[in-house]
């Protein structure tokens, strides 16, 4: 089974009660990253709305006014690329990316903690490679003056920069959550609030136990 980002996990009323407040340098970095993610998620939402408006304009101009369109499709693609890649870190902070939870109910709590940490390390490795390749393509597009093959011909460094910046932020988010998991356990690394649905029941009842940032042991059901 899998889960995705849902509106309930983004509620400011429940976030403070469910997510532990980390002390020290990790806490400062975590709060700064949360603030940055909130700003980017807001901008990403505006980009999706703008993409919808651009595509609507394209349909109206093309089919009702019988005028050719040159820039609308690529503009919408650029906006969607920016919204998708730049918001990836914000979704990861809420553990909102699609994840397979079949092993959650099969493994003991100690093995589950190791599994969650290894999953983050493997994901970080992949994202580091993706970010490096994106920056390489961005550099080539900038130095060679590459442009799109369309009649509009926008420079290709624009989407490559959006991809590279988004994957770099995602790498930072993974690195922060790995450090939090090593220091305080998976509950402090974004697993404090379970998702809605059957996957939430598994997480709530069978989530790995571990100390919270205050040094107290947190059971699978959140009892201390």
Protein backbone atom coordinates (compact mmCIF):
# COMPACT_ATOMS: atom_id res chain seq x y z
CA UNK A 1 0.00 0.00 0.00
CA UNK A 2 1.12 3.58 -0.44
CA UNK A 3 0.35 7.02 0.86
CA UNK A 4 0.66 10.55 -0.42
CA UNK A 5 0.53 14.10 0.84
CA UNK A 6 -2.84 15.04 2.28
CA UNK A 7 -4.40 18.24 3.54
CA UNK A 8 -4.66 16.99 7.10
CA UNK A 9 -0.90 16.68 7.49
CA UNK A 10 -0.50 20.32 6.47
CA UNK A 11 -2.89 21.67 9.08
CA UNK A 12 -1.13 24.23 11.28
CA UNK A 13 -3.42 23.30 14.19
CA UNK A 14 -2.20 19.72 14.38
CA UNK A 15 1.40 20.16 13.24
CA UNK A 16 2.68 21.75 16.45
CA UNK A 17 1.21 19.02 18.65
CA UNK A 18 2.47 16.11 16.56
CA UNK A 19 5.92 17.23 15.41
CA UNK A 20 8.63 17.42 18.09
CA UNK A 21 10.54 20.65 18.50
CA UNK A 22 14.22 19.84 18.07
CA UNK A 23 16.84 21.60 20.18
CA UNK A 24 20.24 22.97 19.18
CA UNK A 25 21.64 23.43 15.70
CA UNK A 26 19.43 20.74 14.17
CA UNK A 27 16.37 22.52 15.53
CA UNK A 28 17.49 25.82 14.02
CA UNK A 29 18.12 24.21 10.64
CA UNK A 30 14.83 22.34 10.82
CA UNK A 31 12.84 25.51 11.53
CA UNK A 32 14.64 27.40 8.75
CA UNK A 33 13.94 24.58 6.30
CA UNK A 34 10.28 24.48 7.32
CA UNK A 35 9.94 28.21 6.71
CA UNK A 36 11.63 27.93 3.31
CA UNK A 37 9.43 24.97 2.38
CA UNK A 38 6.26 26.85 3.31
CA UNK A 39 7.27 29.79 1.11
CA UNK A 40 8.15 27.51 -1.82
CA UNK A 41 4.94 25.49 -1.47
CA UNK A 42 2.96 28.72 -1.63
CA UNK A 43 4.86 29.83 -4.72
CA UNK A 44 4.37 26.37 -6.23
CA UNK A 45 0.62 26.66 -5.78
CA UNK A 46 0.64 30.01 -7.54
CA UNK A 47 2.68 28.47 -10.38
CA UNK A 48 0.09 25.73 -10.87
CA UNK A 49 -2.70 28.30 -10.97
CA UNK A 50 -0.69 30.33 -13.48
CA UNK A 51 -0.14 27.22 -15.62
CA UNK A 52 -3.90 26.59 -15.67
CA UNK A 53 -4.54 30.18 -16.75
CA UNK A 54 -1.89 30.00 -19.47
CA UNK A 55 -3.35 26.76 -20.88
CA UNK A 56 -6.86 28.20 -20.74
CA UNK A 57 -5.64 31.25 -22.65
CA UNK A 58 -4.06 28.93 -25.21
CA UNK A 59 -7.31 27.05 -25.78
CA UNK A 60 -9.33 30.25 -26.12
CA UNK A 61 -6.88 31.87 -28.53
CA UNK A 62 -6.36 28.76 -30.63
CA UNK A 63 -9.89 27.43 -30.99
CA UNK A 64 -12.13 30.45 -30.52
CA UNK A 65 -10.07 33.29 -31.95
CA UNK A 66 -8.28 31.06 -34.51
CA UNK A 67 -4.89 32.59 -33.70
CA UNK A 68 -1.67 30.55 -33.50
CA UNK A 69 -0.03 30.03 -30.12
CA UNK A 70 3.73 30.02 -29.62
CA UNK A 71 4.63 30.39 -25.97
CA UNK A 72 1.71 29.08 -23.94
CA UNK A 73 2.49 25.35 -23.91
CA UNK A 74 6.15 25.74 -22.97
CA UNK A 75 5.35 28.41 -20.41
CA UNK A 76 2.90 26.03 -18.74
CA UNK A 77 5.52 23.26 -18.80
CA UNK A 78 8.13 25.53 -17.19
CA UNK A 79 5.67 26.54 -14.47
CA UNK A 80 4.76 22.93 -13.73
CA UNK A 81 8.43 21.91 -13.66
CA UNK A 82 9.17 24.65 -11.16
CA UNK A 83 6.19 23.77 -8.97
CA UNK A 84 7.02 20.06 -9.04
CA UNK A 85 10.76 20.12 -8.38
CA UNK A 86 10.94 23.09 -6.01
CA UNK A 87 8.13 21.73 -3.81
CA UNK A 88 9.68 18.24 -3.58
CA UNK A 89 11.56 19.14 -0.39
CA UNK A 90 8.41 20.49 1.25
CA UNK A 91 6.52 17.30 0.46
CA UNK A 92 9.42 15.20 1.75
CA UNK A 93 9.42 17.18 5.01
CA UNK A 94 5.85 15.91 5.56
CA UNK A 95 6.79 12.41 4.33
CA UNK A 96 4.21 12.95 1.63
CA UNK A 97 5.92 11.22 -1.30
CA UNK A 98 4.55 7.86 -2.38
CA UNK A 99 6.03 5.11 -0.22
CA UNK A 100 5.49 1.36 0.03
CA UNK A 101 4.44 0.38 3.55
CA UNK A 102 4.06 -3.39 3.12
CA UNK A 103 7.05 -4.12 5.39
CA UNK A 104 5.90 -1.82 8.18
CA UNK A 105 3.69 -4.44 9.79
CA UNK A 106 6.13 -7.30 9.24
CA UNK A 107 9.33 -5.97 10.80
CA UNK A 108 10.07 -5.44 14.50
CA UNK A 109 10.50 -1.85 15.69
CA UNK A 110 14.32 -1.98 15.72
CA UNK A 111 14.46 -3.32 12.16
CA UNK A 112 11.91 -0.73 11.10
CA UNK A 113 14.12 2.08 12.37
CA UNK A 114 17.03 0.72 10.32
CA UNK A 115 14.78 0.32 7.26
CA UNK A 116 13.57 3.92 7.45
CA UNK A 117 17.12 5.22 7.78
CA UNK A 118 18.42 3.10 4.90
CA UNK A 119 15.54 4.25 2.70
CA UNK A 120 16.51 7.87 3.34
CA UNK A 121 20.19 7.20 2.66
CA UNK A 122 19.43 5.44 -0.64
CA UNK A 123 17.02 8.21 -1.64
CA UNK A 124 19.64 10.84 -0.81
CA UNK A 125 22.22 9.03 -2.95
CA UNK A 126 19.86 8.97 -5.93
CA UNK A 127 18.87 12.63 -5.46
CA UNK A 128 22.52 13.71 -5.22
CA UNK A 129 23.21 12.08 -8.58
CA UNK A 130 20.07 13.66 -10.05
CA UNK A 131 21.05 17.09 -8.72
CA UNK A 132 24.61 16.78 -10.03
CA UNK A 133 23.36 15.78 -13.48
CA UNK A 134 20.82 18.61 -13.49
CA UNK A 135 23.48 21.20 -12.64
CA UNK A 136 25.70 19.75 -15.38
CA UNK A 137 22.91 20.13 -17.94
CA UNK A 138 22.18 23.61 -16.65
CA UNK A 139 25.83 24.63 -17.08
CA UNK A 140 25.92 23.25 -20.62
CA UNK A 141 22.68 25.03 -21.56
CA UNK A 142 24.01 28.32 -20.14
CA UNK A 143 27.48 28.19 -21.71
CA UNK A 144 26.29 26.88 -25.10
CA UNK A 145 23.29 29.18 -25.30
CA UNK A 146 20.89 26.29 -25.85
CA UNK A 147 17.29 27.20 -26.62
CA UNK A 148 14.10 25.28 -27.19
CA UNK A 149 13.32 24.01 -30.68
CA UNK A 150 9.94 25.73 -30.69
CA UNK A 151 9.14 28.97 -32.50
CA UNK A 152 9.21 30.78 -29.15
CA UNK A 153 12.72 29.49 -28.41
CA UNK A 154 13.17 30.13 -24.66
CA UNK A 155 16.60 29.34 -23.14
CA UNK A 156 16.85 25.81 -21.76
CA UNK A 157 18.78 26.89 -18.67
CA UNK A 158 15.46 27.98 -17.17
CA UNK A 159 13.93 24.49 -16.71
CA UNK A 160 17.33 22.96 -15.91
CA UNK A 161 17.89 25.53 -13.17
CA UNK A 162 14.47 24.80 -11.69
CA UNK A 163 15.19 21.07 -11.73
CA UNK A 164 18.66 21.46 -10.24
CA UNK A 165 17.54 23.85 -7.50
CA UNK A 166 14.60 21.64 -6.58
CA UNK A 167 16.72 18.48 -6.36
CA UNK A 168 19.36 20.33 -4.33
CA UNK A 169 16.70 21.40 -1.81
CA UNK A 170 15.43 17.83 -1.70
CA UNK A 171 18.97 16.62 -0.94
CA UNK A 172 19.21 19.13 1.90
CA UNK A 173 15.89 17.91 3.28
CA UNK A 174 17.01 14.26 3.15
CA UNK A 175 20.34 15.10 4.81
CA UNK A 176 18.54 17.01 7.58
CA UNK A 177 16.10 14.17 8.22
CA UNK A 178 18.90 11.60 8.27
CA UNK A 179 20.76 13.67 10.87
CA UNK A 180 17.56 14.01 12.91
CA UNK A 181 16.90 10.28 12.72
CA UNK A 182 20.43 9.47 13.90
CA UNK A 183 20.23 11.97 16.75
CA UNK A 184 16.66 11.58 17.96
CA UNK A 185 15.03 8.66 16.15
CA UNK A 186 12.55 8.43 13.25
CA UNK A 187 9.82 10.32 15.13
CA UNK A 188 11.90 13.49 14.92
CA UNK A 189 12.71 12.90 11.25
CA UNK A 190 9.25 13.54 9.85
CA UNK A 191 7.46 10.42 11.10
CA UNK A 192 5.72 12.09 14.04
CA UNK A 193 2.32 12.43 12.35
CA UNK A 194 0.86 9.36 10.57
CA UNK A 195 -0.98 9.68 7.28
CA UNK A 196 -4.69 9.13 6.76
CA UNK A 197 -5.98 5.69 5.77
CA UNK A 198 -4.93 2.09 6.32
CA UNK A 199 -1.26 3.06 6.11
CA UNK A 200 -1.84 5.42 9.03
CA UNK A 201 -3.19 2.55 11.12
CA UNK A 202 -0.06 0.53 10.46
CA UNK A 203 2.16 3.50 11.27
CA UNK A 204 0.20 4.29 14.42
CA UNK A 205 0.10 0.74 15.76
CA UNK A 206 3.40 -0.65 14.52
CA UNK A 207 5.64 2.41 14.15
CA UNK A 208 9.15 1.95 15.55
CA UNK A 209 9.63 2.99 19.12
CA UNK A 210 12.39 5.38 20.01
CA UNK A 211 13.36 8.39 22.09
CA UNK A 212 11.88 11.76 21.32
CA UNK A 213 14.06 14.88 21.28
CA UNK A 214 13.55 15.26 25.01
CA UNK A 215 15.07 11.85 25.67
CA UNK A 216 11.82 10.05 26.56
CA UNK A 217 10.80 6.79 24.95
CA UNK A 218 7.86 7.07 22.60
CA UNK A 219 5.80 3.95 22.03
CA UNK A 220 4.12 2.93 18.79
CA UNK A 221 0.86 4.57 19.88
CA UNK A 222 2.50 7.77 21.03
CA UNK A 223 2.39 7.00 24.77
CA UNK A 224 5.29 7.87 27.01
